[in-house]
Amino acid sequence: MTAEETLINVEKALEEIRPFLVSDGGNIKLISIEDAVVKVQLEGACMGCSVNQMTLKNGVEATIKKYAPQIDEVINVT
């Protein structure tokens, strides 16, 4: 898969996740994809949420891996 295809698939995954985050007053922004690591920024209510790491791993990372299986990890950058 090319870098461009990976980017498109990661964006598709984020579009699937975004409505759930927005409904809770948050959002997510793609910062970069470096090697097999996706860097995102949680925004709004997600920033101070006590379960944001669980959301990041169980929701965001799992969905991104469904679209782009070559991704190893998703991390939140501030």
C-alpha atoms as a PDB file:
ATOM      1  CA  MET A   1       0.000   0.000   0.000  1.00  0.00           C
ATOM      2  CA  THR A   2       1.388   3.415  -0.925  1.00  0.00           C
ATOM      3  CA  ALA A   3       1.702   6.293   1.527  1.00  0.00           C
ATOM      4  CA  GLU A   4      -1.156   8.045  -0.268  1.00  0.00           C
ATOM      5  CA  GLU A   5      -3.413   4.977   0.035  1.00  0.00           C
ATOM      6  CA  THR A   6      -2.553   4.707   3.717  1.00  0.00           C
ATOM      7  CA  LEU A   7      -3.440   8.371   4.230  1.00  0.00           C
ATOM      8  CA  ILE A   8      -6.776   7.927   2.438  1.00  0.00           C
ATOM      9  CA  ASN A   9      -7.619   4.846   4.517  1.00  0.00           C
ATOM     10  CA  VAL A  10      -6.658   6.538   7.796  1.00  0.00           C
ATOM     11  CA  GLU A  11      -8.851   9.516   6.870  1.00  0.00           C
ATOM     12  CA  LYS A  12     -11.752   7.129   6.130  1.00  0.00           C
ATOM     13  CA  ALA A  13     -11.291   5.565   9.556  1.00  0.00           C
ATOM     14  CA  LEU A  14     -11.288   8.977  11.236  1.00  0.00           C
ATOM     15  CA  GLU A  15     -14.470   9.943   9.379  1.00  0.00           C
ATOM     16  CA  GLU A  16     -16.124   6.806  10.789  1.00  0.00           C
ATOM     17  CA  ILE A  17     -15.018   7.653  14.335  1.00  0.00           C
ATOM     18  CA  ARG A  18     -15.531  11.432  14.270  1.00  0.00           C
ATOM     19  CA  PRO A  19     -19.358  11.477  14.730  1.00  0.00           C
ATOM     20  CA  PHE A  20     -19.025   9.574  18.021  1.00  0.00           C
ATOM     21  CA  LEU A  21     -16.398  11.997  19.318  1.00  0.00           C
ATOM     22  CA  VAL A  22     -18.351  15.058  18.160  1.00  0.00           C
ATOM     23  CA  SER A  23     -21.509  13.777  19.893  1.00  0.00           C
ATOM     24  CA  ASP A  24     -19.523  13.858  23.159  1.00  0.00           C
ATOM     25  CA  GLY A  25     -18.174  17.360  22.500  1.00  0.00           C
ATOM     26  CA  GLY A  26     -14.803  16.302  21.106  1.00  0.00           C
ATOM     27  CA  ASN A  27     -13.050  15.766  17.805  1.00  0.00           C
ATOM     28  CA  ILE A  28      -9.894  14.278  16.327  1.00  0.00           C
ATOM     29  CA  LYS A  29      -7.340  15.644  13.895  1.00  0.00           C
ATOM     30  CA  LEU A  30      -4.718  13.723  11.932  1.00  0.00           C
ATOM     31  CA  ILE A  31      -1.270  15.181  12.570  1.00  0.00           C
ATOM     32  CA  SER A  32       0.986  12.767  10.682  1.00  0.00           C
ATOM     33  CA  ILE A  33       1.727   9.232   9.631  1.00  0.00           C
ATOM     34  CA  GLU A  34       5.359   8.266  10.227  1.00  0.00           C
ATOM     35  CA  ASP A  35       6.386   4.737   9.334  1.00  0.00           C
ATOM     36  CA  ALA A  36       3.598   2.644  10.877  1.00  0.00           C
ATOM     37  CA  VAL A  37       2.616   5.175  13.571  1.00  0.00           C
ATOM     38  CA  VAL A  38      -0.365   7.485  13.206  1.00  0.00           C
ATOM     39  CA  LYS A  39      -0.201  10.687  15.246  1.00  0.00           C
ATOM     40  CA  VAL A  40      -3.520  12.312  16.057  1.00  0.00           C
ATOM     41  CA  GLN A  41      -4.665  15.156  18.259  1.00  0.00           C
ATOM     42  CA  LEU A  42      -7.747  14.734  20.390  1.00  0.00           C
ATOM     43  CA  GLU A  43      -9.664  18.005  20.636  1.00  0.00           C
ATOM     44  CA  GLY A  44     -12.450  19.583  22.637  1.00  0.00           C
ATOM     45  CA  ALA A  45     -13.945  17.472  25.425  1.00  0.00           C
ATOM     46  CA  CYS A  46     -11.657  14.571  24.443  1.00  0.00           C
ATOM     47  CA  MET A  47      -8.599  16.445  25.729  1.00  0.00           C
ATOM     48  CA  GLY A  48      -9.612  16.306  29.383  1.00  0.00           C
ATOM     49  CA  CYS A  49     -11.601  13.098  29.256  1.00  0.00           C
ATOM     50  CA  SER A  50     -10.472  10.455  31.736  1.00  0.00           C
ATOM     51  CA  VAL A  51     -11.113   7.628  29.258  1.00  0.00           C
ATOM     52  CA  ASN A  52      -9.413   9.215  26.231  1.00  0.00           C
ATOM     53  CA  GLN A  53      -6.585   6.641  26.222  1.00  0.00           C
ATOM     54  CA  MET A  54      -9.139   3.838  26.162  1.00  0.00           C
ATOM     55  CA  THR A  55     -11.007   5.592  23.352  1.00  0.00           C
ATOM     56  CA  LEU A  56      -7.741   6.084  21.505  1.00  0.00           C
ATOM     57  CA  LYS A  57      -6.688   2.419  21.722  1.00  0.00           C
ATOM     58  CA  ASN A  58     -10.031   0.584  21.606  1.00  0.00           C
ATOM     59  CA  GLY A  59     -11.877   2.919  19.254  1.00  0.00           C
ATOM     60  CA  VAL A  60      -9.514   4.962  17.136  1.00  0.00           C
ATOM     61  CA  GLU A  61      -6.598   2.533  16.812  1.00  0.00           C
ATOM     62  CA  ALA A  62      -8.856  -0.475  16.202  1.00  0.00           C
ATOM     63  CA  THR A  63     -10.801   1.359  13.481  1.00  0.00           C
ATOM     64  CA  ILE A  64      -7.658   2.668  11.792  1.00  0.00           C
ATOM     65  CA  LYS A  65      -6.158  -0.853  11.771  1.00  0.00           C
ATOM     66  CA  LYS A  66      -9.353  -2.142  10.148  1.00  0.00           C
ATOM     67  CA  TYR A  67      -8.833   0.294   7.254  1.00  0.00           C
ATOM     68  CA  ALA A  68      -5.021   0.244   7.252  1.00  0.00           C
ATOM     69  CA  PRO A  69      -3.732  -3.020   8.781  1.00  0.00           C
ATOM     70  CA  GLN A  70      -0.103  -1.999   8.279  1.00  0.00           C
ATOM     71  CA  ILE A  71      -0.453   0.621  11.048  1.00  0.00           C
ATOM     72  CA  ASP A  72       1.173  -0.530  14.297  1.00  0.00           C
ATOM     73  CA  GLU A  73       0.157   2.203  16.698  1.00  0.00           C
ATOM     74  CA  VAL A  74      -1.919   5.360  17.111  1.00  0.00           C
ATOM     75  CA  ILE A  75      -0.682   7.992  19.525  1.00  0.00           C
ATOM     76  CA  ASN A  76      -2.163  11.263  20.744  1.00  0.00           C
ATOM     77  CA  VAL A  77       0.089  14.303  20.505  1.00  0.00           C
ATOM     78  CA  THR A  78      -0.632  17.587  22.221  1.00  0.00           C
END
